[in-house]
Amino acid sequence: MPRESYQSQLEQLREDVLYMSEIVTERFRSALSALERRDEETAWEVIEGDDEINQLYLELEQDCIDLLALQQPVASDLRFIAASFKIITDLERIADLATNIGDYTLEAGEERYPDVDVQGVGDDVLEMVKEAMAAYAEEDPALCRAVAARDDEVDAQCERASDEIVRSLIETELDDPEHTDAEALMDDVSRLLLTIRDLERVGDHAVNIAARALYMIENDDELIY
């Protein structure tokens, strides 16, 4: 294959990975909006749209395999393809977590613990994903490290939120069983805790993307864990 065609394939792969990230972040944003507004129609759109993302993932996975098998790239090209392969895996998993949030919206019961800022955490992890993809697109090592640094605060936010829910459950709700539907309460609390856990996982995937981008750019595995 002519060198020009090979380079075109590499550039097309980058563009396609960025396109996948745009779809995934938009679905994740829609899932957060559906949860906030209890919008079942939007929740179903997120859930039913997951097949499209899965298909795109499989197509890009095959593109990476073909480039590795047919071109036998070395050095920076090899790192770029390997990083792209790993990044689309993280994007696909973020889409799965968006689907989870869509499911939680459909199952939502009574609104509890309004002081727990689920949307704020969601906005933070979404921004982390966008910054990680910008680091990949622009080959910016400083941005890779900045994304990783933000993760500690997101983890702390999630831990504080989970602790607040459990503490309130113990101290307030369960002290008055006559006025509490215990089964419904536990279902609502479980969904809220799962939502927080899934948001934290999105942040972890953003760090994974940043780590692979840094490896691609500088051959530095400091963020890979």
C-alpha atoms as a PDB file:
ATOM      1  CA  MET A   1       0.000   0.000   0.000  1.00  0.00           C
ATOM      2  CA  PRO A   2       1.403   3.434  -0.903  1.00  0.00           C
ATOM      3  CA  ARG A   3       2.696   5.504   2.005  1.00  0.00           C
ATOM      4  CA  GLU A   4       0.169   8.251   1.297  1.00  0.00           C
ATOM      5  CA  SER A   5      -2.712   5.805   1.673  1.00  0.00           C
ATOM      6  CA  TYR A   6      -1.295   4.434   4.915  1.00  0.00           C
ATOM      7  CA  GLN A   7      -1.018   7.914   6.415  1.00  0.00           C
ATOM      8  CA  SER A   8      -4.558   8.664   5.264  1.00  0.00           C
ATOM      9  CA  GLN A   9      -5.774   5.579   7.096  1.00  0.00           C
ATOM     10  CA  LEU A  10      -4.066   6.720  10.272  1.00  0.00           C
ATOM     11  CA  GLU A  11      -5.667  10.167  10.018  1.00  0.00           C
ATOM     12  CA  GLN A  12      -9.044   8.611   9.283  1.00  0.00           C
ATOM     13  CA  LEU A  13      -8.713   6.427  12.366  1.00  0.00           C
ATOM     14  CA  ARG A  14      -8.066   9.507  14.508  1.00  0.00           C
ATOM     15  CA  GLU A  15     -11.091  11.273  13.022  1.00  0.00           C
ATOM     16  CA  ASP A  16     -13.289   8.227  13.561  1.00  0.00           C
ATOM     17  CA  VAL A  17     -12.210   7.852  17.197  1.00  0.00           C
ATOM     18  CA  LEU A  18     -13.024  11.517  17.788  1.00  0.00           C
ATOM     19  CA  TYR A  19     -16.377  11.043  16.066  1.00  0.00           C
ATOM     20  CA  MET A  20     -17.157   8.128  18.368  1.00  0.00           C
ATOM     21  CA  SER A  21     -16.244  10.279  21.369  1.00  0.00           C
ATOM     22  CA  GLU A  22     -18.660  12.991  20.226  1.00  0.00           C
ATOM     23  CA  ILE A  23     -21.519  10.491  20.025  1.00  0.00           C
ATOM     24  CA  VAL A  24     -20.681   8.953  23.391  1.00  0.00           C
ATOM     25  CA  THR A  25     -20.382  12.276  25.220  1.00  0.00           C
ATOM     26  CA  GLU A  26     -23.657  13.463  23.711  1.00  0.00           C
ATOM     27  CA  ARG A  27     -25.409  10.256  24.848  1.00  0.00           C
ATOM     28  CA  PHE A  28     -23.929  10.633  28.311  1.00  0.00           C
ATOM     29  CA  ARG A  29     -25.083  14.254  28.471  1.00  0.00           C
ATOM     30  CA  SER A  30     -28.565  13.151  27.397  1.00  0.00           C
ATOM     31  CA  ALA A  31     -28.614  10.457  30.091  1.00  0.00           C
ATOM     32  CA  LEU A  32     -27.771  13.036  32.771  1.00  0.00           C
ATOM     33  CA  SER A  33     -30.481  15.353  31.466  1.00  0.00           C
ATOM     34  CA  ALA A  34     -33.025  12.524  31.433  1.00  0.00           C
ATOM     35  CA  LEU A  35     -32.163  11.637  35.021  1.00  0.00           C
ATOM     36  CA  GLU A  36     -32.489  15.225  36.186  1.00  0.00           C
ATOM     37  CA  ARG A  37     -35.839  15.792  34.447  1.00  0.00           C
ATOM     38  CA  ARG A  38     -37.114  12.216  34.820  1.00  0.00           C
ATOM     39  CA  ASP A  39     -37.544  12.227  31.067  1.00  0.00           C
ATOM     40  CA  GLU A  40     -38.383   8.661  30.089  1.00  0.00           C
ATOM     41  CA  GLU A  41     -38.446   9.412  26.355  1.00  0.00           C
ATOM     42  CA  THR A  42     -34.850  10.650  26.396  1.00  0.00           C
ATOM     43  CA  ALA A  43     -33.837   7.767  28.649  1.00  0.00           C
ATOM     44  CA  TRP A  44     -35.177   5.300  26.070  1.00  0.00           C
ATOM     45  CA  GLU A  45     -33.296   7.116  23.288  1.00  0.00           C
ATOM     46  CA  VAL A  46     -30.060   6.637  25.215  1.00  0.00           C
ATOM     47  CA  ILE A  47     -30.771   2.973  25.904  1.00  0.00           C
ATOM     48  CA  GLU A  48     -31.854   2.138  22.356  1.00  0.00           C
ATOM     49  CA  GLY A  49     -28.922   4.076  20.882  1.00  0.00           C
ATOM     50  CA  ASP A  50     -26.365   1.812  22.536  1.00  0.00           C
ATOM     51  CA  ASP A  51     -26.458  -0.658  19.628  1.00  0.00           C
ATOM     52  CA  GLU A  52     -25.227   2.072  17.273  1.00  0.00           C
ATOM     53  CA  ILE A  53     -22.237   2.748  19.515  1.00  0.00           C
ATOM     54  CA  ASN A  54     -21.474  -0.957  19.856  1.00  0.00           C
ATOM     55  CA  GLN A  55     -21.461  -1.315  16.071  1.00  0.00           C
ATOM     56  CA  LEU A  56     -19.182   1.685  15.656  1.00  0.00           C
ATOM     57  CA  TYR A  57     -16.851   0.216  18.250  1.00  0.00           C
ATOM     58  CA  LEU A  58     -16.637  -3.074  16.353  1.00  0.00           C
ATOM     59  CA  GLU A  59     -15.905  -1.285  13.086  1.00  0.00           C
ATOM     60  CA  LEU A  60     -13.106   0.774  14.627  1.00  0.00           C
ATOM     61  CA  GLU A  61     -11.724  -2.268  16.390  1.00  0.00           C
ATOM     62  CA  GLN A  62     -11.459  -3.986  13.011  1.00  0.00           C
ATOM     63  CA  ASP A  63      -9.776  -0.929  11.509  1.00  0.00           C
ATOM     64  CA  CYS A  64      -7.135  -1.079  14.251  1.00  0.00           C
ATOM     65  CA  ILE A  65      -6.612  -4.802  13.714  1.00  0.00           C
ATOM     66  CA  ASP A  66      -6.247  -4.322   9.970  1.00  0.00           C
ATOM     67  CA  LEU A  67      -3.659  -1.588  10.413  1.00  0.00           C
ATOM     68  CA  LEU A  68      -1.675  -3.726  12.842  1.00  0.00           C
ATOM     69  CA  ALA A  69      -1.852  -6.852  10.704  1.00  0.00           C
ATOM     70  CA  LEU A  70      -1.383  -5.371   7.242  1.00  0.00           C
ATOM     71  CA  GLN A  71       0.993  -2.471   7.905  1.00  0.00           C
ATOM     72  CA  GLN A  72       3.049  -3.797  10.833  1.00  0.00           C
ATOM     73  CA  PRO A  73       3.575  -0.256  12.178  1.00  0.00           C
ATOM     74  CA  VAL A  74       6.489   0.594  14.436  1.00  0.00           C
ATOM     75  CA  ALA A  75       7.371   3.293  16.969  1.00  0.00           C
ATOM     76  CA  SER A  76       4.942   6.237  17.125  1.00  0.00           C
ATOM     77  CA  ASP A  77       2.470   4.761  14.637  1.00  0.00           C
ATOM     78  CA  LEU A  78       2.251   1.570  16.672  1.00  0.00           C
ATOM     79  CA  ARG A  79       1.621   3.527  19.869  1.00  0.00           C
ATOM     80  CA  PHE A  80      -1.042   5.614  18.117  1.00  0.00           C
ATOM     81  CA  ILE A  81      -2.953   2.571  16.879  1.00  0.00           C
ATOM     82  CA  ALA A  82      -2.627   0.759  20.210  1.00  0.00           C
ATOM     83  CA  ALA A  83      -3.805   3.860  22.095  1.00  0.00           C
ATOM     84  CA  SER A  84      -6.746   4.315  19.732  1.00  0.00           C
ATOM     85  CA  PHE A  85      -7.715   0.681  20.230  1.00  0.00           C
ATOM     86  CA  LYS A  86      -7.737   1.104  24.013  1.00  0.00           C
ATOM     87  CA  ILE A  87      -9.522   4.455  23.881  1.00  0.00           C
ATOM     88  CA  ILE A  88     -12.471   3.159  21.860  1.00  0.00           C
ATOM     89  CA  THR A  89     -12.858   0.425  24.479  1.00  0.00           C
ATOM     90  CA  ASP A  90     -13.129   3.053  27.221  1.00  0.00           C
ATOM     91  CA  LEU A  91     -15.583   5.065  25.121  1.00  0.00           C
ATOM     92  CA  GLU A  92     -17.767   1.997  24.608  1.00  0.00           C
ATOM     93  CA  ARG A  93     -17.821   1.402  28.354  1.00  0.00           C
ATOM     94  CA  ILE A  94     -18.764   5.022  29.024  1.00  0.00           C
ATOM     95  CA  ALA A  95     -21.689   4.502  26.649  1.00  0.00           C
ATOM     96  CA  ASP A  96     -22.689   1.429  28.663  1.00  0.00           C
ATOM     97  CA  LEU A  97     -22.665   3.538  31.824  1.00  0.00           C
ATOM     98  CA  ALA A  98     -24.865   6.126  30.097  1.00  0.00           C
ATOM     99  CA  THR A  99     -27.277   3.279  29.350  1.00  0.00           C
ATOM    100  CA  ASN A 100     -27.247   2.361  33.028  1.00  0.00           C
ATOM    101  CA  ILE A 101     -28.240   5.908  33.907  1.00  0.00           C
ATOM    102  CA  GLY A 102     -31.056   5.657  31.375  1.00  0.00           C
ATOM    103  CA  ASP A 103     -32.249   2.507  33.140  1.00  0.00           C
ATOM    104  CA  TYR A 104     -32.111   4.233  36.535  1.00  0.00           C
ATOM    105  CA  THR A 105     -34.283   7.018  35.122  1.00  0.00           C
ATOM    106  CA  LEU A 106     -36.951   4.549  34.044  1.00  0.00           C
ATOM    107  CA  GLU A 107     -36.916   2.882  37.465  1.00  0.00           C
ATOM    108  CA  ALA A 108     -36.750   6.076  39.522  1.00  0.00           C
ATOM    109  CA  GLY A 109     -39.046   6.306  42.519  1.00  0.00           C
ATOM    110  CA  GLU A 110     -39.412   9.157  44.968  1.00  0.00           C
ATOM    111  CA  GLU A 111     -36.787  11.889  44.751  1.00  0.00           C
ATOM    112  CA  ARG A 112     -34.550  11.670  47.791  1.00  0.00           C
ATOM    113  CA  TYR A 113     -31.485  13.532  49.027  1.00  0.00           C
ATOM    114  CA  PRO A 114     -31.767  16.598  46.752  1.00  0.00           C
ATOM    115  CA  ASP A 115     -28.615  18.005  48.377  1.00  0.00           C
ATOM    116  CA  VAL A 116     -26.544  15.248  46.746  1.00  0.00           C
ATOM    117  CA  ASP A 117     -25.213  16.936  43.612  1.00  0.00           C
ATOM    118  CA  VAL A 118     -25.416  14.104  41.091  1.00  0.00           C
ATOM    119  CA  GLN A 119     -25.594  16.507  38.167  1.00  0.00           C
ATOM    120  CA  GLY A 120     -22.523  18.381  39.360  1.00  0.00           C
ATOM    121  CA  VAL A 121     -20.493  15.187  39.517  1.00  0.00           C
ATOM    122  CA  GLY A 122     -21.858  14.182  36.118  1.00  0.00           C
ATOM    123  CA  ASP A 123     -20.809  17.507  34.604  1.00  0.00           C
ATOM    124  CA  ASP A 124     -17.315  17.118  36.086  1.00  0.00           C
ATOM    125  CA  VAL A 125     -16.724  13.624  34.699  1.00  0.00           C
ATOM    126  CA  LEU A 126     -18.142  14.607  31.322  1.00  0.00           C
ATOM    127  CA  GLU A 127     -15.662  17.478  31.189  1.00  0.00           C
ATOM    128  CA  MET A 128     -12.870  15.044  32.071  1.00  0.00           C
ATOM    129  CA  VAL A 129     -13.811  12.838  29.116  1.00  0.00           C
ATOM    130  CA  LYS A 130     -13.890  15.808  26.754  1.00  0.00           C
ATOM    131  CA  GLU A 131     -10.499  17.025  27.993  1.00  0.00           C
ATOM    132  CA  ALA A 132      -9.002  13.544  27.664  1.00  0.00           C
ATOM    133  CA  MET A 133     -10.190  13.336  24.068  1.00  0.00           C
ATOM    134  CA  ALA A 134      -8.813  16.825  23.397  1.00  0.00           C
ATOM    135  CA  ALA A 135      -5.459  15.609  24.740  1.00  0.00           C
ATOM    136  CA  TYR A 136      -5.617  12.709  22.284  1.00  0.00           C
ATOM    137  CA  ALA A 137      -6.621  14.949  19.364  1.00  0.00           C
ATOM    138  CA  GLU A 138      -4.078  17.683  20.070  1.00  0.00           C
ATOM    139  CA  GLU A 139      -1.329  15.411  21.427  1.00  0.00           C
ATOM    140  CA  ASP A 140      -1.131  17.517  24.589  1.00  0.00           C
ATOM    141  CA  PRO A 141       0.758  15.746  27.425  1.00  0.00           C
ATOM    142  CA  ALA A 142       0.027  18.512  29.955  1.00  0.00           C
ATOM    143  CA  LEU A 143      -3.699  18.043  29.410  1.00  0.00           C
ATOM    144  CA  CYS A 144      -3.317  14.296  29.903  1.00  0.00           C
ATOM    145  CA  ARG A 145      -1.795  14.879  33.322  1.00  0.00           C
ATOM    146  CA  ALA A 146      -4.396  17.517  34.188  1.00  0.00           C
ATOM    147  CA  VAL A 147      -7.201  15.032  33.559  1.00  0.00           C
ATOM    148  CA  ALA A 148      -5.556  12.487  35.827  1.00  0.00           C
ATOM    149  CA  ALA A 149      -5.099  15.109  38.543  1.00  0.00           C
ATOM    150  CA  ARG A 150      -8.820  15.963  38.505  1.00  0.00           C
ATOM    151  CA  ASP A 151      -9.789  12.400  39.281  1.00  0.00           C
ATOM    152  CA  ASP A 152      -8.870  12.622  42.967  1.00  0.00           C
ATOM    153  CA  GLU A 153     -11.407  15.395  43.527  1.00  0.00           C
ATOM    154  CA  VAL A 154     -14.109  13.497  41.638  1.00  0.00           C
ATOM    155  CA  ASP A 155     -13.417  10.411  43.753  1.00  0.00           C
ATOM    156  CA  ALA A 156     -13.690  12.561  46.873  1.00  0.00           C
ATOM    157  CA  GLN A 157     -16.995  14.049  45.661  1.00  0.00           C
ATOM    158  CA  CYS A 158     -18.402  10.579  45.069  1.00  0.00           C
ATOM    159  CA  GLU A 159     -17.238   9.359  48.461  1.00  0.00           C
ATOM    160  CA  ARG A 160     -18.791  12.358  50.231  1.00  0.00           C
ATOM    161  CA  ALA A 161     -22.073  11.875  48.373  1.00  0.00           C
ATOM    162  CA  SER A 162     -22.238   8.166  49.179  1.00  0.00           C
ATOM    163  CA  ASP A 163     -21.402   8.804  52.841  1.00  0.00           C
ATOM    164  CA  GLU A 164     -24.099  11.473  53.071  1.00  0.00           C
ATOM    165  CA  ILE A 165     -26.727   9.133  51.653  1.00  0.00           C
ATOM    166  CA  VAL A 166     -25.845   6.283  53.988  1.00  0.00           C
ATOM    167  CA  ARG A 167     -25.623   8.562  57.032  1.00  0.00           C
ATOM    168  CA  SER A 168     -28.984  10.130  56.272  1.00  0.00           C
ATOM    169  CA  LEU A 169     -30.510   6.710  55.707  1.00  0.00           C
ATOM    170  CA  ILE A 170     -29.313   5.491  59.094  1.00  0.00           C
ATOM    171  CA  GLU A 171     -30.000   8.631  61.093  1.00  0.00           C
ATOM    172  CA  THR A 172     -33.256   9.825  59.601  1.00  0.00           C
ATOM    173  CA  GLU A 173     -35.220   7.554  57.317  1.00  0.00           C
ATOM    174  CA  LEU A 174     -34.997   4.281  59.184  1.00  0.00           C
ATOM    175  CA  ASP A 175     -35.721   5.934  62.545  1.00  0.00           C
ATOM    176  CA  ASP A 176     -39.331   6.426  61.493  1.00  0.00           C
ATOM    177  CA  PRO A 177     -40.465   3.113  59.975  1.00  0.00           C
ATOM    178  CA  GLU A 178     -44.178   3.956  60.328  1.00  0.00           C
ATOM    179  CA  HIS A 179     -43.825   6.740  57.778  1.00  0.00           C
ATOM    180  CA  THR A 180     -41.419   4.973  55.456  1.00  0.00           C
ATOM    181  CA  ASP A 181     -41.977   2.392  52.756  1.00  0.00           C
ATOM    182  CA  ALA A 182     -38.770   0.521  53.538  1.00  0.00           C
ATOM    183  CA  GLU A 183     -38.647  -1.448  50.275  1.00  0.00           C
ATOM    184  CA  ALA A 184     -39.203   1.614  48.102  1.00  0.00           C
ATOM    185  CA  LEU A 185     -36.690   3.544  50.166  1.00  0.00           C
ATOM    186  CA  MET A 186     -33.997   0.925  49.741  1.00  0.00           C
ATOM    187  CA  ASP A 187     -34.659   0.699  45.996  1.00  0.00           C
ATOM    188  CA  ASP A 188     -34.282   4.469  45.625  1.00  0.00           C
ATOM    189  CA  VAL A 189     -31.141   4.565  47.749  1.00  0.00           C
ATOM    190  CA  SER A 190     -29.600   1.657  45.844  1.00  0.00           C
ATOM    191  CA  ARG A 191     -30.233   3.372  42.500  1.00  0.00           C
ATOM    192  CA  LEU A 192     -28.730   6.610  43.753  1.00  0.00           C
ATOM    193  CA  LEU A 193     -25.629   4.862  45.078  1.00  0.00           C
ATOM    194  CA  LEU A 194     -25.276   2.972  41.785  1.00  0.00           C
ATOM    195  CA  THR A 195     -25.578   6.238  39.879  1.00  0.00           C
ATOM    196  CA  ILE A 196     -22.753   7.759  41.906  1.00  0.00           C
ATOM    197  CA  ARG A 197     -20.644   4.643  41.402  1.00  0.00           C
ATOM    198  CA  ASP A 198     -21.209   4.760  37.647  1.00  0.00           C
ATOM    199  CA  LEU A 199     -20.275   8.444  37.475  1.00  0.00           C
ATOM    200  CA  GLU A 200     -17.045   7.669  39.308  1.00  0.00           C
ATOM    201  CA  ARG A 201     -16.344   4.938  36.755  1.00  0.00           C
ATOM    202  CA  VAL A 202     -16.794   7.420  33.908  1.00  0.00           C
ATOM    203  CA  GLY A 203     -14.088   9.516  35.541  1.00  0.00           C
ATOM    204  CA  ASP A 204     -11.866   6.438  35.716  1.00  0.00           C
ATOM    205  CA  HIS A 205     -12.385   5.820  32.000  1.00  0.00           C
ATOM    206  CA  ALA A 206     -11.461   9.440  31.290  1.00  0.00           C
ATOM    207  CA  VAL A 207      -8.188   8.871  33.153  1.00  0.00           C
ATOM    208  CA  ASN A 208      -7.615   5.693  31.121  1.00  0.00           C
ATOM    209  CA  ILE A 209      -8.054   7.691  27.909  1.00  0.00           C
ATOM    210  CA  ALA A 210      -5.632  10.347  29.145  1.00  0.00           C
ATOM    211  CA  ALA A 211      -3.142   7.655  30.146  1.00  0.00           C
ATOM    212  CA  ARG A 212      -3.218   6.037  26.713  1.00  0.00           C
ATOM    213  CA  ALA A 213      -2.938   9.416  25.024  1.00  0.00           C
ATOM    214  CA  LEU A 214       0.142  10.232  27.108  1.00  0.00           C
ATOM    215  CA  TYR A 215       1.685   6.873  26.189  1.00  0.00           C
ATOM    216  CA  MET A 216       0.942   7.601  22.537  1.00  0.00           C
ATOM    217  CA  ILE A 217       2.509  11.067  22.700  1.00  0.00           C
ATOM    218  CA  GLU A 218       5.571  10.534  24.870  1.00  0.00           C
ATOM    219  CA  ASN A 219       5.954   6.774  25.179  1.00  0.00           C
ATOM    220  CA  ASP A 220       5.334   7.389  28.891  1.00  0.00           C
ATOM    221  CA  ASP A 221       3.281   4.887  30.877  1.00  0.00           C
ATOM    222  CA  GLU A 222       3.198   6.849  34.164  1.00  0.00           C
ATOM    223  CA  LEU A 223      -0.603   7.179  34.153  1.00  0.00           C
ATOM    224  CA  ILE A 224      -1.376   3.602  33.112  1.00  0.00           C
ATOM    225  CA  TYR A 225      -2.515   1.507  36.025  1.00  0.00           C
END
